[in-house]
Amino acid sequence: MTAIRKPYPSDLSDDQWSIIAHLLPHKKTVGRPSVNLREVVNAVLYIYQSGQEWRMMPHDLLPWQTVYGYYNRWLKDGTWDNINAHLQLQLIQRNRPNESFVVRWISNRLKQSRKSE
């Protein structure tokens, strides 16, 4: 997004973003314009925390089709699995397993997606 928006409570902090940013696939250098991947993750977290449907995404976030496309692609290519494993390891090393809502959300989504396959 080009305009700065007010943050939602579900948005990642700078510290949280720094933990997972390197786990996301690199942006393509050709083709469609690049998308701010932090905004994609923030929009996915908004959907999870608010319980909204994809098509009900607020207009100040990325288009729902863009966010859903990334979400689905990352689900299929194992990106969410990698993030989940990385966060679980971090929490275990800090003696805080299952503390993060992000970890719980990713774990639940992965279980649901495997049931539907």
N, C-alpha and C. Protein backbone atom coordinates (compact mmCIF):
# COMPACT_ATOMS: atom_id res chain seq x y z
N MET A 1 0.84 -1.17 0.00
CA MET A 1 0.00 0.00 0.00
C MET A 1 0.89 1.24 0.00
N THR A 2 0.47 2.23 -0.67
CA THR A 2 1.26 3.44 -0.72
C THR A 2 0.91 4.38 0.43
N ALA A 3 -0.34 4.44 0.82
CA ALA A 3 -0.75 5.31 1.91
C ALA A 3 -0.51 4.61 3.25
N ILE A 4 -0.15 5.40 4.24
CA ILE A 4 0.03 4.84 5.58
C ILE A 4 -1.34 4.77 6.22
N ARG A 5 -1.65 3.63 6.79
CA ARG A 5 -2.95 3.45 7.42
C ARG A 5 -2.78 3.34 8.93
N LYS A 6 -3.87 3.52 9.65
CA LYS A 6 -3.83 3.31 11.09
C LYS A 6 -3.67 1.82 11.34
N PRO A 7 -2.85 1.44 12.31
CA PRO A 7 -2.66 0.00 12.55
C PRO A 7 -3.89 -0.63 13.22
N TYR A 8 -4.10 -1.89 12.91
CA TYR A 8 -5.12 -2.70 13.58
C TYR A 8 -4.45 -3.42 14.74
N PRO A 9 -5.21 -3.80 15.77
CA PRO A 9 -4.62 -4.55 16.89
C PRO A 9 -3.97 -5.86 16.44
N SER A 10 -4.40 -6.41 15.32
CA SER A 10 -3.85 -7.67 14.83
C SER A 10 -2.54 -7.50 14.07
N ASP A 11 -2.14 -6.27 13.75
CA ASP A 11 -0.91 -6.04 12.99
C ASP A 11 0.32 -6.51 13.77
N LEU A 12 1.29 -7.00 13.03
CA LEU A 12 2.55 -7.41 13.63
C LEU A 12 3.34 -6.19 14.08
N SER A 13 4.01 -6.33 15.20
CA SER A 13 4.94 -5.28 15.63
C SER A 13 6.21 -5.40 14.78
N ASP A 14 7.07 -4.41 14.87
CA ASP A 14 8.34 -4.48 14.14
C ASP A 14 9.15 -5.69 14.59
N ASP A 15 9.15 -5.97 15.89
CA ASP A 15 9.89 -7.14 16.39
C ASP A 15 9.31 -8.45 15.86
N GLN A 16 7.99 -8.56 15.87
CA GLN A 16 7.36 -9.78 15.34
C GLN A 16 7.65 -9.94 13.85
N TRP A 17 7.56 -8.85 13.12
CA TRP A 17 7.84 -8.91 11.68
C TRP A 17 9.28 -9.36 11.42
N SER A 18 10.21 -8.86 12.21
CA SER A 18 11.62 -9.21 11.99
C SER A 18 11.87 -10.70 12.20
N ILE A 19 11.04 -11.35 12.98
CA ILE A 19 11.20 -12.79 13.24
C ILE A 19 10.78 -13.62 12.04
N ILE A 20 9.74 -13.18 11.31
CA ILE A 20 9.23 -14.03 10.21
C ILE A 20 9.53 -13.51 8.81
N ALA A 21 9.96 -12.27 8.68
CA ALA A 21 10.14 -11.68 7.34
C ALA A 21 11.03 -12.52 6.44
N HIS A 22 12.12 -13.05 6.99
CA HIS A 22 13.05 -13.82 6.17
C HIS A 22 12.51 -15.19 5.77
N LEU A 23 11.39 -15.61 6.36
CA LEU A 23 10.81 -16.91 6.05
C LEU A 23 9.84 -16.87 4.87
N LEU A 24 9.49 -15.67 4.44
CA LEU A 24 8.56 -15.52 3.32
C LEU A 24 9.30 -15.61 1.99
N PRO A 25 8.65 -16.15 0.96
CA PRO A 25 9.31 -16.23 -0.35
C PRO A 25 9.70 -14.84 -0.84
N HIS A 26 10.83 -14.77 -1.54
CA HIS A 26 11.31 -13.50 -2.07
C HIS A 26 10.36 -12.99 -3.15
N LYS A 27 10.29 -11.69 -3.25
CA LYS A 27 9.45 -11.07 -4.27
C LYS A 27 10.04 -11.31 -5.65
N LYS A 28 9.18 -11.45 -6.62
CA LYS A 28 9.62 -11.57 -8.00
C LYS A 28 10.06 -10.20 -8.49
N THR A 29 11.05 -10.19 -9.37
CA THR A 29 11.55 -8.91 -9.88
C THR A 29 10.87 -8.52 -11.19
N VAL A 30 10.14 -9.44 -11.80
CA VAL A 30 9.43 -9.12 -13.04
C VAL A 30 7.95 -9.47 -12.87
N GLY A 31 7.13 -8.95 -13.75
CA GLY A 31 5.70 -9.28 -13.69
C GLY A 31 4.90 -8.19 -13.00
N ARG A 32 3.96 -8.61 -12.19
CA ARG A 32 3.07 -7.68 -11.50
C ARG A 32 3.84 -6.81 -10.52
N PRO A 33 3.27 -5.66 -10.17
CA PRO A 33 3.93 -4.80 -9.18
C PRO A 33 4.10 -5.55 -7.85
N SER A 34 5.16 -5.21 -7.15
CA SER A 34 5.42 -5.90 -5.89
C SER A 34 4.38 -5.52 -4.84
N VAL A 35 4.18 -6.42 -3.90
CA VAL A 35 3.22 -6.24 -2.82
C VAL A 35 4.00 -6.25 -1.51
N ASN A 36 3.61 -5.41 -0.60
CA ASN A 36 4.23 -5.36 0.72
C ASN A 36 3.80 -6.62 1.48
N LEU A 37 4.72 -7.56 1.67
CA LEU A 37 4.38 -8.84 2.29
C LEU A 37 3.98 -8.68 3.76
N ARG A 38 4.50 -7.67 4.41
CA ARG A 38 4.06 -7.41 5.79
C ARG A 38 2.57 -7.07 5.81
N GLU A 39 2.13 -6.31 4.82
CA GLU A 39 0.71 -5.97 4.74
C GLU A 39 -0.14 -7.20 4.41
N VAL A 40 0.42 -8.13 3.65
CA VAL A 40 -0.29 -9.38 3.37
C VAL A 40 -0.48 -10.15 4.68
N VAL A 41 0.60 -10.31 5.44
CA VAL A 41 0.51 -11.03 6.71
C VAL A 41 -0.44 -10.31 7.67
N ASN A 42 -0.33 -8.99 7.75
CA ASN A 42 -1.23 -8.23 8.62
C ASN A 42 -2.70 -8.44 8.23
N ALA A 43 -2.98 -8.48 6.94
CA ALA A 43 -4.35 -8.68 6.48
C ALA A 43 -4.84 -10.09 6.82
N VAL A 44 -3.98 -11.08 6.66
CA VAL A 44 -4.35 -12.45 7.03
C VAL A 44 -4.65 -12.53 8.53
N LEU A 45 -3.80 -11.90 9.33
CA LEU A 45 -4.03 -11.90 10.78
C LEU A 45 -5.31 -11.15 11.14
N TYR A 46 -5.63 -10.10 10.40
CA TYR A 46 -6.88 -9.38 10.62
C TYR A 46 -8.07 -10.31 10.38
N ILE A 47 -8.04 -11.05 9.28
CA ILE A 47 -9.12 -11.98 8.97
C ILE A 47 -9.27 -13.01 10.08
N TYR A 48 -8.16 -13.55 10.55
CA TYR A 48 -8.20 -14.55 11.61
C TYR A 48 -8.78 -13.97 12.89
N GLN A 49 -8.24 -12.86 13.34
CA GLN A 49 -8.66 -12.31 14.62
C GLN A 49 -10.07 -11.74 14.59
N SER A 50 -10.49 -11.19 13.47
CA SER A 50 -11.82 -10.58 13.40
C SER A 50 -12.91 -11.59 13.07
N GLY A 51 -12.50 -12.71 12.47
CA GLY A 51 -13.49 -13.71 12.05
C GLY A 51 -14.25 -13.31 10.80
N GLN A 52 -13.76 -12.29 10.11
CA GLN A 52 -14.40 -11.81 8.88
C GLN A 52 -14.18 -12.80 7.73
N GLU A 53 -15.04 -12.70 6.74
CA GLU A 53 -14.83 -13.44 5.51
C GLU A 53 -13.87 -12.64 4.64
N TRP A 54 -13.20 -13.33 3.71
CA TRP A 54 -12.21 -12.68 2.85
C TRP A 54 -12.81 -11.46 2.14
N ARG A 55 -14.00 -11.61 1.61
CA ARG A 55 -14.62 -10.53 0.84
C ARG A 55 -15.03 -9.34 1.70
N MET A 56 -14.98 -9.50 3.00
CA MET A 56 -15.36 -8.42 3.92
C MET A 56 -14.14 -7.64 4.41
N MET A 57 -12.98 -7.87 3.80
CA MET A 57 -11.77 -7.18 4.22
C MET A 57 -11.93 -5.66 4.07
N PRO A 58 -11.52 -4.90 5.09
CA PRO A 58 -11.65 -3.44 5.00
C PRO A 58 -10.88 -2.88 3.81
N HIS A 59 -11.36 -1.75 3.31
CA HIS A 59 -10.78 -1.14 2.11
C HIS A 59 -9.40 -0.54 2.35
N ASP A 60 -9.01 -0.33 3.59
CA ASP A 60 -7.68 0.23 3.82
C ASP A 60 -6.60 -0.85 3.85
N LEU A 61 -7.02 -2.12 3.77
CA LEU A 61 -6.06 -3.22 3.63
C LEU A 61 -5.93 -3.56 2.14
N LEU A 62 -5.03 -4.46 1.83
CA LEU A 62 -4.87 -4.90 0.44
C LEU A 62 -6.17 -5.53 -0.06
N PRO A 63 -6.37 -5.59 -1.37
CA PRO A 63 -7.57 -6.27 -1.89
C PRO A 63 -7.63 -7.72 -1.40
N TRP A 64 -8.82 -8.16 -1.09
CA TRP A 64 -8.96 -9.50 -0.52
C TRP A 64 -8.43 -10.57 -1.47
N GLN A 65 -8.58 -10.36 -2.78
CA GLN A 65 -8.10 -11.36 -3.74
C GLN A 65 -6.58 -11.51 -3.66
N THR A 66 -5.89 -10.40 -3.47
CA THR A 66 -4.43 -10.43 -3.35
C THR A 66 -4.02 -11.17 -2.09
N VAL A 67 -4.64 -10.84 -1.00
CA VAL A 67 -4.29 -11.45 0.29
C VAL A 67 -4.61 -12.94 0.26
N TYR A 68 -5.79 -13.29 -0.24
CA TYR A 68 -6.17 -14.70 -0.30
C TYR A 68 -5.22 -15.48 -1.22
N GLY A 69 -4.83 -14.86 -2.32
CA GLY A 69 -3.90 -15.52 -3.24
C GLY A 69 -2.58 -15.86 -2.56
N TYR A 70 -2.03 -14.91 -1.84
CA TYR A 70 -0.79 -15.18 -1.11
C TYR A 70 -1.02 -16.21 -0.02
N TYR A 71 -2.09 -16.06 0.74
CA TYR A 71 -2.40 -17.01 1.82
C TYR A 71 -2.46 -18.43 1.28
N ASN A 72 -3.21 -18.61 0.20
CA ASN A 72 -3.39 -19.94 -0.38
C ASN A 72 -2.07 -20.48 -0.95
N ARG A 73 -1.32 -19.64 -1.64
CA ARG A 73 -0.04 -20.05 -2.20
C ARG A 73 0.92 -20.49 -1.10
N TRP A 74 0.97 -19.71 -0.03
CA TRP A 74 1.87 -20.05 1.09
C TRP A 74 1.41 -21.29 1.83
N LEU A 75 0.11 -21.54 1.84
CA LEU A 75 -0.40 -22.76 2.45
C LEU A 75 0.06 -23.97 1.64
N LYS A 76 -0.05 -23.86 0.32
CA LYS A 76 0.31 -24.98 -0.56
C LYS A 76 1.82 -25.22 -0.64
N ASP A 77 2.63 -24.14 -0.61
CA ASP A 77 4.08 -24.33 -0.78
C ASP A 77 4.83 -24.56 0.53
N GLY A 78 4.10 -24.59 1.65
CA GLY A 78 4.74 -24.90 2.93
C GLY A 78 5.28 -23.69 3.69
N THR A 79 5.04 -22.48 3.18
CA THR A 79 5.53 -21.29 3.87
C THR A 79 4.95 -21.19 5.28
N TRP A 80 3.62 -21.42 5.41
CA TRP A 80 3.01 -21.35 6.75
C TRP A 80 3.59 -22.44 7.65
N ASP A 81 3.87 -23.63 7.09
CA ASP A 81 4.51 -24.70 7.88
C ASP A 81 5.86 -24.23 8.41
N ASN A 82 6.65 -23.59 7.53
CA ASN A 82 7.97 -23.11 7.94
C ASN A 82 7.88 -22.04 9.02
N ILE A 83 6.94 -21.12 8.86
CA ILE A 83 6.75 -20.07 9.87
C ILE A 83 6.34 -20.71 11.19
N ASN A 84 5.40 -21.64 11.12
CA ASN A 84 4.92 -22.32 12.32
C ASN A 84 6.06 -23.03 13.04
N ALA A 85 6.86 -23.78 12.30
CA ALA A 85 7.97 -24.51 12.91
C ALA A 85 8.98 -23.55 13.53
N HIS A 86 9.27 -22.47 12.83
CA HIS A 86 10.22 -21.48 13.33
C HIS A 86 9.71 -20.83 14.62
N LEU A 87 8.44 -20.44 14.64
CA LEU A 87 7.87 -19.80 15.83
C LEU A 87 7.78 -20.79 17.00
N GLN A 88 7.40 -22.03 16.70
CA GLN A 88 7.34 -23.04 17.75
C GLN A 88 8.71 -23.23 18.39
N LEU A 89 9.75 -23.31 17.54
CA LEU A 89 11.11 -23.49 18.05
C LEU A 89 11.52 -22.31 18.92
N GLN A 90 11.21 -21.10 18.47
CA GLN A 90 11.54 -19.91 19.26
C GLN A 90 10.84 -19.93 20.61
N LEU A 91 9.56 -20.30 20.62
CA LEU A 91 8.82 -20.33 21.87
C LEU A 91 9.33 -21.43 22.80
N ILE A 92 9.67 -22.58 22.24
CA ILE A 92 10.22 -23.67 23.06
C ILE A 92 11.55 -23.26 23.66
N GLN A 93 12.39 -22.60 22.86
CA GLN A 93 13.69 -22.15 23.38
C GLN A 93 13.52 -21.13 24.50
N ARG A 94 12.43 -20.41 24.49
CA ARG A 94 12.16 -19.41 25.53
C ARG A 94 11.28 -19.98 26.65
N ASN A 95 11.03 -21.30 26.60
CA ASN A 95 10.19 -21.96 27.59
C ASN A 95 8.77 -21.41 27.61
N ARG A 96 8.23 -21.09 26.42
CA ARG A 96 6.88 -20.54 26.32
C ARG A 96 6.11 -21.20 25.18
N PRO A 97 6.01 -22.53 25.16
CA PRO A 97 5.29 -23.17 24.05
C PRO A 97 3.83 -22.73 24.00
N ASN A 98 3.33 -22.59 22.78
CA ASN A 98 1.92 -22.25 22.49
C ASN A 98 1.48 -20.89 23.02
N GLU A 99 2.41 -19.99 23.27
CA GLU A 99 2.05 -18.68 23.79
C GLU A 99 1.52 -17.75 22.69
N SER A 100 2.03 -17.86 21.51
CA SER A 100 1.72 -16.91 20.44
C SER A 100 0.41 -17.25 19.74
N PHE A 101 -0.46 -16.26 19.56
CA PHE A 101 -1.69 -16.49 18.80
C PHE A 101 -1.37 -16.81 17.35
N VAL A 102 -0.26 -16.29 16.84
CA VAL A 102 0.13 -16.58 15.46
C VAL A 102 0.42 -18.07 15.31
N VAL A 103 1.14 -18.63 16.28
CA VAL A 103 1.45 -20.06 16.24
C VAL A 103 0.17 -20.88 16.31
N ARG A 104 -0.74 -20.52 17.20
CA ARG A 104 -2.00 -21.26 17.32
C ARG A 104 -2.81 -21.15 16.03
N TRP A 105 -2.85 -19.94 15.46
CA TRP A 105 -3.61 -19.74 14.24
C TRP A 105 -3.05 -20.58 13.10
N ILE A 106 -1.75 -20.52 12.90
CA ILE A 106 -1.13 -21.27 11.81
C ILE A 106 -1.35 -22.76 12.01
N SER A 107 -1.17 -23.24 13.24
CA SER A 107 -1.37 -24.67 13.52
C SER A 107 -2.80 -25.09 13.20
N ASN A 108 -3.77 -24.30 13.63
CA ASN A 108 -5.17 -24.62 13.37
C ASN A 108 -5.49 -24.60 11.89
N ARG A 109 -4.98 -23.60 11.18
CA ARG A 109 -5.24 -23.51 9.74
C ARG A 109 -4.63 -24.69 8.98
N LEU A 110 -3.44 -25.10 9.38
CA LEU A 110 -2.80 -26.23 8.72
C LEU A 110 -3.59 -27.51 8.95
N LYS A 111 -4.09 -27.70 10.17
CA LYS A 111 -4.90 -28.87 10.46
C LYS A 111 -6.19 -28.87 9.63
N GLN A 112 -6.84 -27.69 9.55
CA GLN A 112 -8.08 -27.58 8.78
C GLN A 112 -7.84 -27.84 7.30
N SER A 113 -6.76 -27.30 6.77
CA SER A 113 -6.52 -27.45 5.33
C SER A 113 -6.19 -28.91 4.99
N ARG A 114 -5.55 -29.61 5.88
CA ARG A 114 -5.23 -31.02 5.63
C ARG A 114 -6.47 -31.88 5.69
N LYS A 115 -7.43 -31.52 6.55
CA LYS A 115 -8.69 -32.27 6.64
C LYS A 115 -9.49 -32.11 5.36
N SER A 116 -9.41 -30.95 4.73
CA SER A 116 -10.22 -30.70 3.54
C SER A 116 -9.59 -31.25 2.26
N GLU A 117 -8.37 -31.72 2.34
CA GLU A 117 -7.71 -32.27 1.14
C GLU A 117 -8.14 -33.68 0.86
